[in-house]
């Protein structure tokens, strides 16, 4: 019988005891390490550094890492197995997850309710007293599906390869555990009356056990994107009274119920003037409209805004460069946790490129002016590939905004308000976003909106119109736009891939 293996994790100060031969991927994911490509060995996002002990390099290590990196102890975490005691270094990925503390307007009801924001990267569940509107508890977690891919298309690919049931069971079990913990802590298990969940279309389908196959190919539309009503027992949850769980309907294509919830939260549908709502996540979603007409669209921004697929990218956690600015013609970085930098998160990446444009270190075409690497703050560097990843993400979002605004019949200056939703939208510096051409709205009209998906889900717990959860009147006013079908999309996308040579004017 083989002895258990002990893995010491730095800087977390934890030691894991694993069975000999256990894959490190599962063990490290539980500690917050991301696997952007789903653990397929296609990227270097899960690198770990062996400080002591022996971990032989695999064929994938030799393919993806340089010999210098391998000699320095670097390995791909997704390819490694626990075959001997190790001390390894990894970044501390325990990131703060955006919740919501808004004051609600509501119709009092009896009992408790749970609102769930099922994001591609994170999950938030809040327990509410339906009579007082008070939040009784909050549970957050990194989405356990992320070990099978950082973005929605990676999950779709994994599901198509036979992993659909795995993804469904994993997220149901995770959310069920969050809800059970909330109810137990409130000590009112019999009072839970209803659960409302929101998320993008892929999360909607995977949670509800629906096929994501229609979302894997053109025209990327699913006939089953409407309201889904399940009971706790259907989901494998042992909750008193078997409460009903409603996953709100999607708006079309990859625009999910998280954007429906965002519309409710921002009251975009009640505005006389046009208002924009932009969710800058792995699946960029855009809404422009008012009380008469609403257009929505999604665009494949990819996970660059969340630090994934960036050579030294990470979530906004301890050790991440989160802000970069220019002072006296020098780059200055802020590192979360006031520790030595270990990587860079999305907001820091946008800041860095904006600063690089100001200093001429990054050219408008995206090329680095001097070399293929830009030392930001040792040991963190940005590579030419990193800049390209940001160009792809910002180009997709900016092109989507332009086309949707044109189809609606509005200019950027016509917007009464521009809401930036989600964690990235909450922390990004608006000046930097303008400098790289991500958003061209008047700065005074742009505001971080927080977790609008969670707020909208909470409102749906109380809304009389949400007794069935379908919001038929509102959805009739919303038109989904397929950006790829716009004849100018590819031309506009190519234009938006460029960075502005100088701060862009508002149009």
Protein backbone atom coordinates (compact mmCIF):
# COMPACT_ATOMS: atom_id res chain seq x y z
CA UNK A 1 0.00 0.00 0.00
CA UNK A 2 1.45 3.34 -1.04
CA UNK A 3 1.86 6.13 1.47
CA UNK A 4 -0.24 9.32 1.14
CA UNK A 5 1.42 12.30 -0.48
CA UNK A 6 1.74 15.71 1.20
CA UNK A 7 1.58 18.84 -0.96
CA UNK A 8 2.54 22.14 0.72
CA UNK A 9 1.05 25.19 -1.00
CA UNK A 10 2.74 28.58 -0.85
CA UNK A 11 1.86 31.39 -0.20
CA UNK A 12 -1.38 29.93 1.17
CA UNK A 13 0.40 28.11 3.98
CA UNK A 14 -1.72 24.98 3.51
CA UNK A 15 -0.75 21.34 3.21
CA UNK A 16 -2.88 18.86 1.28
CA UNK A 17 -2.82 15.13 1.95
CA UNK A 18 -3.64 13.19 -1.21
CA UNK A 19 -3.67 9.60 -2.33
CA UNK A 20 -0.63 8.60 -4.37
CA UNK A 21 -1.29 9.22 -8.07
CA UNK A 22 -4.09 11.77 -7.54
CA UNK A 23 -4.34 14.39 -10.27
CA UNK A 24 -3.32 17.78 -8.91
CA UNK A 25 -5.95 19.49 -11.06
CA UNK A 26 -8.87 18.66 -8.79
CA UNK A 27 -6.93 19.38 -5.61
CA UNK A 28 -5.62 22.72 -6.87
CA UNK A 29 -8.96 23.84 -8.26
CA UNK A 30 -10.42 23.52 -4.77
CA UNK A 31 -7.73 26.00 -3.67
CA UNK A 32 -8.81 28.54 -6.32
CA UNK A 33 -6.32 27.76 -9.10
CA UNK A 34 -7.91 28.37 -12.49
CA UNK A 35 -7.67 26.07 -15.52
CA UNK A 36 -8.53 28.41 -18.41
CA UNK A 37 -8.51 25.73 -21.11
CA UNK A 38 -10.37 23.23 -18.95
CA UNK A 39 -7.27 21.26 -18.00
CA UNK A 40 -6.55 20.16 -21.57
CA UNK A 41 -2.91 21.26 -21.50
CA UNK A 42 -3.49 23.87 -24.20
CA UNK A 43 -2.43 26.95 -22.25
CA UNK A 44 -0.11 27.90 -19.41
CA UNK A 45 -2.72 29.44 -17.14
CA UNK A 46 -2.36 26.83 -14.39
CA UNK A 47 1.44 26.95 -13.99
CA UNK A 48 2.85 25.88 -10.63
CA UNK A 49 6.43 26.12 -9.44
CA UNK A 50 8.07 23.20 -7.65
CA UNK A 51 10.15 24.56 -4.77
CA UNK A 52 11.13 21.20 -3.30
CA UNK A 53 10.44 17.59 -4.14
CA UNK A 54 10.42 15.95 -7.55
CA UNK A 55 7.80 16.39 -10.25
CA UNK A 56 9.00 15.08 -13.62
CA UNK A 57 8.12 17.18 -16.67
CA UNK A 58 5.40 15.72 -18.88
CA UNK A 59 5.22 15.80 -22.66
CA UNK A 60 2.74 18.69 -22.38
CA UNK A 61 5.14 20.57 -20.09
CA UNK A 62 7.88 20.21 -22.70
CA UNK A 63 5.54 21.39 -25.43
CA UNK A 64 4.10 24.46 -23.66
CA UNK A 65 6.97 25.57 -21.42
CA UNK A 66 10.48 26.66 -22.32
CA UNK A 67 13.44 24.61 -21.14
CA UNK A 68 14.40 27.52 -18.88
CA UNK A 69 10.95 27.44 -17.25
CA UNK A 70 11.13 23.69 -16.76
CA UNK A 71 14.61 23.95 -15.28
CA UNK A 72 13.30 26.64 -12.91
CA UNK A 73 10.68 24.24 -11.60
CA UNK A 74 7.61 25.30 -13.56
CA UNK A 75 5.00 22.70 -14.49
CA UNK A 76 1.43 22.65 -15.82
CA UNK A 77 -0.82 22.02 -12.82
CA UNK A 78 -3.40 20.23 -14.96
CA UNK A 79 -0.89 17.59 -16.09
CA UNK A 80 0.70 16.86 -12.72
CA UNK A 81 0.09 13.93 -10.37
CA UNK A 82 0.82 13.56 -6.68
CA UNK A 83 3.58 10.95 -6.77
CA UNK A 84 5.76 12.37 -4.00
CA UNK A 85 5.83 15.04 -1.31
CA UNK A 86 6.09 18.50 -2.82
CA UNK A 87 6.33 22.13 -1.87
CA UNK A 88 4.83 24.23 -4.67
CA UNK A 89 4.22 27.90 -5.22
CA UNK A 90 0.98 29.19 -6.65
CA UNK A 91 -0.81 32.52 -6.74
CA UNK A 92 -3.51 33.09 -4.15
CA UNK A 93 -6.62 33.08 -6.29
CA UNK A 94 -9.18 33.58 -3.51
CA UNK A 95 -10.78 36.63 -5.08
CA UNK A 96 -13.56 38.79 -3.64
CA UNK A 97 -16.81 38.02 -5.46
CA UNK A 98 -19.24 40.83 -6.22
CA UNK A 99 -22.52 40.58 -4.30
CA UNK A 100 -25.32 43.14 -3.86
CA UNK A 101 -26.50 45.25 -0.91
CA UNK A 102 -29.09 47.40 -2.68
CA UNK A 103 -32.23 48.63 -0.94
CA UNK A 104 -35.18 46.94 -2.62
CA UNK A 105 -38.62 48.10 -3.60
CA UNK A 106 -40.78 45.04 -2.99
CA UNK A 107 -44.16 43.54 -2.22
CA UNK A 108 -43.91 41.79 1.18
CA UNK A 109 -44.52 38.05 1.21
CA UNK A 110 -44.25 35.26 3.73
CA UNK A 111 -41.20 33.07 4.17
CA UNK A 112 -37.69 33.12 2.76
CA UNK A 113 -36.34 33.28 -0.77
CA UNK A 114 -32.96 32.67 -2.40
CA UNK A 115 -31.58 34.62 -5.36
CA UNK A 116 -28.77 32.96 -7.33
CA UNK A 117 -26.44 34.58 -9.85
CA UNK A 118 -24.87 31.68 -11.73
CA UNK A 119 -21.92 33.19 -13.56
CA UNK A 120 -19.39 31.50 -15.79
CA UNK A 121 -16.64 32.25 -13.27
CA UNK A 122 -18.42 32.89 -9.97
CA UNK A 123 -21.63 31.99 -8.13
CA UNK A 124 -23.45 34.15 -5.60
CA UNK A 125 -26.48 33.09 -3.55
CA UNK A 126 -28.34 35.41 -1.19
CA UNK A 127 -31.02 34.43 1.33
CA UNK A 128 -33.75 37.04 1.84
CA UNK A 129 -36.59 37.50 4.30
CA UNK A 130 -39.48 38.06 1.89
CA UNK A 131 -41.47 40.08 4.44
CA UNK A 132 -38.76 42.58 5.36
CA UNK A 133 -36.54 42.40 2.27
CA UNK A 134 -33.50 41.96 4.49
CA UNK A 135 -30.58 39.86 3.30
CA UNK A 136 -30.08 37.13 5.91
CA UNK A 137 -27.00 35.53 4.41
CA UNK A 138 -24.66 35.39 1.44
CA UNK A 139 -22.66 32.48 0.01
CA UNK A 140 -20.14 32.86 -2.81
CA UNK A 141 -17.93 30.45 -4.72
CA UNK A 142 -15.91 30.01 -7.87
CA UNK A 143 -17.99 28.05 -10.37
CA UNK A 144 -16.82 24.44 -10.05
CA UNK A 145 -17.41 23.94 -13.78
CA UNK A 146 -14.41 26.18 -14.45
CA UNK A 147 -12.04 23.23 -14.15
CA UNK A 148 -13.48 22.18 -17.51
CA UNK A 149 -12.87 25.56 -19.19
CA UNK A 150 -12.77 29.27 -18.35
CA UNK A 151 -15.33 30.46 -20.91
CA UNK A 152 -18.74 29.33 -22.11
CA UNK A 153 -17.52 27.85 -25.40
CA UNK A 154 -15.01 25.66 -23.54
CA UNK A 155 -17.93 24.34 -21.45
CA UNK A 156 -19.99 23.78 -24.60
CA UNK A 157 -17.06 21.88 -26.13
CA UNK A 158 -16.69 19.74 -23.00
CA UNK A 159 -20.43 19.05 -22.93
CA UNK A 160 -20.42 18.05 -26.61
CA UNK A 161 -17.63 15.58 -25.88
CA UNK A 162 -19.83 13.75 -23.38
CA UNK A 163 -19.37 15.93 -20.30
CA UNK A 164 -22.80 17.56 -20.18
CA UNK A 165 -24.05 15.48 -17.26
CA UNK A 166 -20.82 16.15 -15.36
CA UNK A 167 -21.25 19.92 -15.74
CA UNK A 168 -24.92 19.77 -14.75
CA UNK A 169 -24.37 17.60 -11.69
CA UNK A 170 -21.38 19.61 -10.57
CA UNK A 171 -23.13 23.00 -10.59
CA UNK A 172 -26.39 21.66 -9.14
CA UNK A 173 -24.51 20.08 -6.26
CA UNK A 174 -22.52 23.24 -5.67
CA UNK A 175 -25.54 25.58 -5.64
CA UNK A 176 -27.51 23.13 -3.54
CA UNK A 177 -24.74 23.19 -0.97
CA UNK A 178 -24.69 26.99 -0.92
CA UNK A 179 -28.46 27.14 -0.38
CA UNK A 180 -28.43 24.44 2.30
CA UNK A 181 -25.73 26.38 4.15
CA UNK A 182 -27.73 29.61 3.97
CA UNK A 183 -30.91 28.00 5.29
CA UNK A 184 -29.07 26.14 8.04
CA UNK A 185 -27.36 29.31 9.23
CA UNK A 186 -30.70 31.15 9.32
CA UNK A 187 -32.17 28.30 11.40
CA UNK A 188 -35.48 28.50 9.50
CA UNK A 189 -35.38 25.46 7.19
CA UNK A 190 -39.14 25.17 6.73
CA UNK A 191 -39.51 28.82 5.68
CA UNK A 192 -37.78 28.61 2.29
CA UNK A 193 -40.54 29.25 -0.27
CA UNK A 194 -38.87 30.07 -3.57
CA UNK A 195 -35.57 30.21 -5.45
CA UNK A 196 -34.80 32.39 -8.47
CA UNK A 197 -31.68 31.81 -10.56
CA UNK A 198 -30.24 33.80 -13.46
CA UNK A 199 -27.27 33.29 -15.75
CA UNK A 200 -26.13 33.33 -19.35
CA UNK A 201 -27.68 30.92 -21.82
CA UNK A 202 -25.03 28.22 -21.40
CA UNK A 203 -25.31 28.33 -17.60
CA UNK A 204 -29.12 28.28 -17.95
CA UNK A 205 -29.01 25.15 -20.09
CA UNK A 206 -26.40 23.28 -18.08
CA UNK A 207 -28.12 23.96 -14.76
CA UNK A 208 -31.50 22.93 -16.12
CA UNK A 209 -30.19 19.80 -17.82
CA UNK A 210 -30.87 21.05 -21.35
CA UNK A 211 -28.75 20.29 -24.39
CA UNK A 212 -26.20 22.97 -25.32
CA UNK A 213 -25.69 21.38 -28.74
CA UNK A 214 -27.71 24.13 -30.54
CA UNK A 215 -25.34 26.69 -29.04
CA UNK A 216 -22.30 25.00 -30.57
CA UNK A 217 -23.03 25.99 -34.17
CA UNK A 218 -24.74 28.59 -36.32
CA UNK A 219 -27.22 30.23 -35.73
CA UNK A 220 -26.34 29.76 -32.02
CA UNK A 221 -29.99 29.78 -30.94
CA UNK A 222 -31.75 27.32 -28.67
CA UNK A 223 -35.47 26.51 -28.73
CA UNK A 224 -35.38 25.81 -24.98
CA UNK A 225 -34.20 29.18 -23.67
CA UNK A 226 -37.44 30.04 -21.86
CA UNK A 227 -38.42 29.95 -18.20
CA UNK A 228 -37.53 26.67 -16.49
CA UNK A 229 -39.36 25.59 -13.33
CA UNK A 230 -37.90 22.80 -11.23
CA UNK A 231 -38.36 21.65 -7.67
CA UNK A 232 -35.58 21.11 -5.18
CA UNK A 233 -36.07 17.35 -5.39
CA UNK A 234 -35.63 17.48 -9.19
CA UNK A 235 -32.21 19.02 -8.58
CA UNK A 236 -31.12 16.53 -5.94
CA UNK A 237 -31.57 19.02 -3.11
CA UNK A 238 -32.95 17.87 0.22
CA UNK A 239 -34.78 21.03 1.29
CA UNK A 240 -37.83 21.13 3.57
CA UNK A 241 -41.06 21.67 1.65
CA UNK A 242 -39.43 20.90 -1.70
CA UNK A 243 -39.44 24.59 -2.77
CA UNK A 244 -39.74 25.66 -6.37
CA UNK A 245 -36.69 26.90 -8.28
CA UNK A 246 -37.21 29.14 -11.30
CA UNK A 247 -34.43 29.86 -13.79
CA UNK A 248 -35.54 33.02 -15.56
CA UNK A 249 -35.77 33.01 -19.38
CA UNK A 250 -32.99 34.07 -21.72
CA UNK A 251 -33.33 36.85 -24.29
CA UNK A 252 -31.90 35.06 -27.34
CA UNK A 253 -28.65 33.49 -28.49
CA UNK A 254 -26.04 33.85 -25.77
CA UNK A 255 -27.89 36.74 -24.08
CA UNK A 256 -29.16 35.12 -20.93
CA UNK A 257 -31.47 35.83 -18.04
CA UNK A 258 -28.62 37.65 -16.30
CA UNK A 259 -29.26 40.49 -18.77
CA UNK A 260 -33.03 40.24 -18.24
CA UNK A 261 -32.27 40.64 -14.53
CA UNK A 262 -29.95 43.55 -15.36
CA UNK A 263 -32.73 45.33 -17.22
CA UNK A 264 -34.98 44.94 -14.17
CA UNK A 265 -32.22 46.13 -11.82
CA UNK A 266 -31.31 49.26 -13.80
CA UNK A 267 -34.92 50.05 -14.79
CA UNK A 268 -33.70 50.48 -18.36
CA UNK A 269 -37.15 49.44 -19.57
CA UNK A 270 -38.74 52.41 -17.77
CA UNK A 271 -36.45 55.12 -19.21
CA UNK A 272 -37.70 57.68 -21.70
CA UNK A 273 -34.20 58.27 -23.13
CA UNK A 274 -31.96 55.48 -24.45
CA UNK A 275 -29.86 53.70 -21.82
CA UNK A 276 -27.05 51.16 -22.28
CA UNK A 277 -26.24 48.15 -20.10
CA UNK A 278 -22.94 46.39 -20.78
CA UNK A 279 -21.71 43.24 -19.04
CA UNK A 280 -17.97 42.95 -19.62
CA UNK A 281 -17.56 39.27 -18.85
CA UNK A 282 -16.23 36.28 -20.77
CA UNK A 283 -19.43 36.45 -22.79
CA UNK A 284 -19.88 40.17 -23.43
CA UNK A 285 -23.55 41.14 -23.40
CA UNK A 286 -24.95 44.49 -24.49
CA UNK A 287 -28.40 46.08 -24.14
CA UNK A 288 -29.49 49.44 -25.56
CA UNK A 289 -33.04 50.71 -25.23
CA UNK A 290 -35.77 52.56 -23.41
CA UNK A 291 -39.38 51.98 -22.40
CA UNK A 292 -40.49 51.61 -26.01
CA UNK A 293 -37.83 49.43 -27.65
CA UNK A 294 -34.86 47.38 -26.49
CA UNK A 295 -32.11 45.71 -28.51
CA UNK A 296 -29.69 43.15 -27.07
CA UNK A 297 -26.69 41.24 -28.37
CA UNK A 298 -23.82 39.09 -27.20
CA UNK A 299 -20.26 38.97 -28.42
CA UNK A 300 -17.50 36.47 -27.72
CA UNK A 301 -15.13 38.69 -25.77
CA UNK A 302 -13.29 35.73 -24.25
CA UNK A 303 -11.88 35.64 -20.73
CA UNK A 304 -9.09 38.23 -21.12
CA UNK A 305 -11.01 40.77 -19.01
CA UNK A 306 -10.85 38.29 -16.14
CA UNK A 307 -7.15 37.60 -16.56
CA UNK A 308 -7.48 34.25 -18.33
CA UNK A 309 -5.43 33.42 -21.45
CA UNK A 310 -3.00 36.13 -20.36
CA UNK A 311 0.50 34.73 -19.79
CA UNK A 312 0.63 35.99 -16.19
CA UNK A 313 -3.09 36.66 -15.84
CA UNK A 314 -5.08 35.97 -12.70
CA UNK A 315 -8.27 36.99 -10.95
CA UNK A 316 -8.34 40.21 -8.93
CA UNK A 317 -6.82 38.63 -5.83
CA UNK A 318 -3.78 38.97 -3.59
CA UNK A 319 -0.67 39.45 -5.69
CA UNK A 320 -2.49 40.78 -8.76
CA UNK A 321 -1.50 44.05 -10.39
CA UNK A 322 -4.90 45.72 -10.39
CA UNK A 323 -4.01 49.30 -11.34
CA UNK A 324 -1.37 50.89 -13.55
CA UNK A 325 -0.83 54.60 -14.07
CA UNK A 326 1.74 56.99 -15.50
CA UNK A 327 3.51 59.44 -13.24
CA UNK A 328 6.48 61.55 -14.42
CA UNK A 329 6.66 59.42 -17.57
CA UNK A 330 7.12 56.28 -15.46
CA UNK A 331 4.85 53.26 -15.00
CA UNK A 332 3.55 52.73 -11.46
CA UNK A 333 1.65 49.58 -10.43
CA UNK A 334 -0.67 48.85 -7.52
CA UNK A 335 -0.61 45.25 -6.27
CA UNK A 336 -3.54 43.84 -4.32
CA UNK A 337 -2.59 42.83 -0.79
CA UNK A 338 0.57 44.96 -0.78
CA UNK A 339 2.71 41.91 -1.62
CA UNK A 340 5.15 41.06 -4.38
CA UNK A 341 3.30 40.89 -7.72
CA UNK A 342 2.46 37.44 -9.04
CA UNK A 343 0.31 38.33 -12.04
CA UNK A 344 -2.11 40.84 -13.51
CA UNK A 345 -5.92 40.94 -13.49
CA UNK A 346 -8.25 42.38 -16.11
CA UNK A 347 -8.46 45.92 -14.75
CA UNK A 348 -4.69 46.06 -14.46
CA UNK A 349 -4.31 44.83 -18.04
CA UNK A 350 -6.58 47.58 -19.38
CA UNK A 351 -4.71 50.18 -17.30
CA UNK A 352 -1.35 48.87 -18.48
CA UNK A 353 -2.22 49.07 -22.17
CA UNK A 354 -3.77 52.53 -21.71
CA UNK A 355 -0.55 53.65 -20.00
CA UNK A 356 1.56 51.99 -22.69
CA UNK A 357 -0.33 53.89 -25.37
CA UNK A 358 0.33 57.16 -23.56
CA UNK A 359 4.07 56.46 -23.34
CA UNK A 360 4.41 55.03 -26.85
CA UNK A 361 5.30 51.60 -25.50
CA UNK A 362 2.23 50.15 -27.21
CA UNK A 363 1.44 51.22 -30.76
CA UNK A 364 -2.12 51.80 -32.05
CA UNK A 365 -1.91 48.59 -34.08
CA UNK A 366 -1.23 46.66 -30.88
CA UNK A 367 2.45 46.01 -31.45
CA UNK A 368 4.85 46.44 -28.59
CA UNK A 369 7.26 49.21 -29.61
CA UNK A 370 10.48 47.70 -28.30
CA UNK A 371 10.39 43.90 -27.87
CA UNK A 372 7.94 41.02 -27.75
CA UNK A 373 7.78 41.36 -23.96
CA UNK A 374 7.13 44.38 -21.76
CA UNK A 375 8.46 44.12 -18.17
CA UNK A 376 5.72 45.73 -16.10
CA UNK A 377 6.86 45.11 -12.54
CA UNK A 378 9.19 42.16 -11.96
CA UNK A 379 8.47 39.35 -12.32
CA UNK A 380 5.30 40.34 -14.21
CA UNK A 381 5.63 40.92 -17.94
CA UNK A 382 3.14 41.45 -20.73
CA UNK A 383 3.74 39.65 -24.00
CA UNK A 384 2.74 40.50 -27.54
CA UNK A 385 0.18 37.68 -27.34
CA UNK A 386 -1.32 39.26 -24.21
CA UNK A 387 -1.88 42.52 -26.07
CA UNK A 388 -3.53 40.62 -28.91
CA UNK A 389 -5.88 38.88 -26.47
CA UNK A 390 -6.99 42.27 -25.12
CA UNK A 391 -7.42 43.58 -28.67
CA UNK A 392 -9.70 40.68 -29.50
CA UNK A 393 -11.80 41.21 -26.37
CA UNK A 394 -12.08 44.99 -26.61
CA UNK A 395 -12.68 44.84 -30.37
CA UNK A 396 -15.59 42.46 -29.94
CA UNK A 397 -17.24 44.59 -27.25
CA UNK A 398 -16.64 47.94 -28.99
CA UNK A 399 -17.90 46.61 -32.32
CA UNK A 400 -21.01 45.21 -30.65
CA UNK A 401 -21.76 48.56 -28.99
CA UNK A 402 -21.34 50.47 -32.26
CA UNK A 403 -23.55 48.14 -34.27
CA UNK A 404 -26.27 47.89 -31.64
CA UNK A 405 -26.36 51.68 -31.20
CA UNK A 406 -26.58 52.18 -34.96
CA UNK A 407 -29.40 49.66 -35.31
CA UNK A 408 -31.27 51.31 -32.45
CA UNK A 409 -30.75 54.74 -34.06
CA UNK A 410 -28.67 56.38 -31.34
CA UNK A 411 -25.22 57.90 -30.96
CA UNK A 412 -22.95 57.45 -27.96
CA UNK A 413 -23.75 60.99 -26.79
CA UNK A 414 -27.47 60.22 -26.88
CA UNK A 415 -27.28 57.75 -24.00
CA UNK A 416 -28.79 59.04 -20.77
CA UNK A 417 -26.80 56.49 -18.75
CA UNK A 418 -24.36 53.67 -19.41
CA UNK A 419 -24.34 50.90 -16.80
CA UNK A 420 -21.23 48.69 -16.57
CA UNK A 421 -22.33 45.44 -14.94
CA UNK A 422 -20.39 42.63 -13.29
CA UNK A 423 -17.15 42.51 -11.36
CA UNK A 424 -14.95 43.76 -14.19
CA UNK A 425 -17.32 46.62 -14.99
CA UNK A 426 -17.37 47.52 -11.30
CA UNK A 427 -13.58 47.85 -10.95
CA UNK A 428 -12.37 49.00 -14.36
CA UNK A 429 -11.11 52.59 -14.58
CA UNK A 430 -13.33 54.41 -17.03
CA UNK A 431 -10.51 56.65 -18.29
CA UNK A 432 -8.46 53.59 -19.21
CA UNK A 433 -11.44 51.94 -20.89
CA UNK A 434 -11.90 55.05 -23.02
CA UNK A 435 -8.20 55.30 -23.78
CA UNK A 436 -8.04 51.84 -25.33
CA UNK A 437 -11.31 52.43 -27.20
CA UNK A 438 -13.37 49.94 -25.21
CA UNK A 439 -16.11 52.47 -24.42
CA UNK A 440 -16.57 55.80 -26.17
CA UNK A 441 -19.45 57.21 -24.14
CA UNK A 442 -19.17 60.57 -22.31
CA UNK A 443 -17.36 59.67 -19.06
CA UNK A 444 -19.93 61.39 -16.85
CA UNK A 445 -22.64 59.07 -18.15
CA UNK A 446 -20.77 55.84 -17.41
CA UNK A 447 -21.32 54.28 -14.00
CA UNK A 448 -20.47 50.95 -12.37
CA UNK A 449 -23.75 49.16 -11.72
CA UNK A 450 -22.54 46.36 -9.43
CA UNK A 451 -24.04 42.89 -9.63
CA UNK A 452 -27.18 43.72 -11.60
CA UNK A 453 -27.83 40.03 -12.26
CA UNK A 454 -28.14 39.30 -8.54
CA UNK A 455 -30.20 42.42 -7.87
CA UNK A 456 -32.58 41.54 -10.69
CA UNK A 457 -32.93 37.98 -9.39
CA UNK A 458 -33.86 39.38 -5.97
CA UNK A 459 -36.45 41.67 -7.53
CA UNK A 460 -37.91 38.66 -9.33
CA UNK A 461 -38.48 36.96 -5.98
CA UNK A 462 -40.95 39.71 -5.13
CA UNK A 463 -42.33 40.76 -8.51
CA UNK A 464 -45.99 40.02 -9.16
CA UNK A 465 -45.10 39.78 -12.84
CA UNK A 466 -42.67 37.03 -11.97
CA UNK A 467 -45.16 34.62 -10.44
CA UNK A 468 -44.60 32.55 -13.54
CA UNK A 469 -41.23 34.23 -14.15
CA UNK A 470 -41.62 34.71 -17.87
CA UNK A 471 -42.03 38.52 -18.05
CA UNK A 472 -44.01 38.25 -21.30
CA UNK A 473 -44.78 41.97 -21.76
CA UNK A 474 -41.18 43.04 -21.21
CA UNK A 475 -39.72 40.33 -23.43
CA UNK A 476 -42.02 41.37 -26.28
CA UNK A 477 -40.22 44.72 -26.33
CA UNK A 478 -36.77 43.12 -26.52
CA UNK A 479 -35.25 42.15 -29.86
CA UNK A 480 -32.16 39.96 -30.02
CA UNK A 481 -29.64 41.05 -32.66
CA UNK A 482 -27.21 38.55 -34.16
CA UNK A 483 -24.12 40.70 -34.72
CA UNK A 484 -22.60 38.27 -37.22
CA UNK A 485 -25.56 38.84 -39.53
CA UNK A 486 -24.92 42.58 -39.71
CA UNK A 487 -23.18 43.21 -43.06
CA UNK A 488 -20.78 45.69 -41.44
CA UNK A 489 -19.82 43.59 -38.42
CA UNK A 490 -16.49 42.26 -39.68
CA UNK A 491 -15.46 45.67 -41.01
CA UNK A 492 -16.34 47.38 -37.72
CA UNK A 493 -14.67 44.61 -35.72
CA UNK A 494 -11.44 45.03 -37.69
CA UNK A 495 -11.56 48.79 -37.07
CA UNK A 496 -12.16 48.32 -33.34
CA UNK A 497 -9.21 45.96 -33.04
CA UNK A 498 -7.02 49.05 -33.36
CA UNK A 499 -6.22 51.16 -30.33
CA UNK A 500 -6.89 54.90 -30.67
CA UNK A 501 -3.75 56.91 -31.40
CA UNK A 502 -5.05 59.51 -28.96
CA UNK A 503 -7.98 59.59 -26.50
CA UNK A 504 -11.08 59.00 -28.66
CA UNK A 505 -13.73 61.63 -29.19
CA UNK A 506 -17.32 60.87 -28.22
CA UNK A 507 -19.56 60.18 -31.22
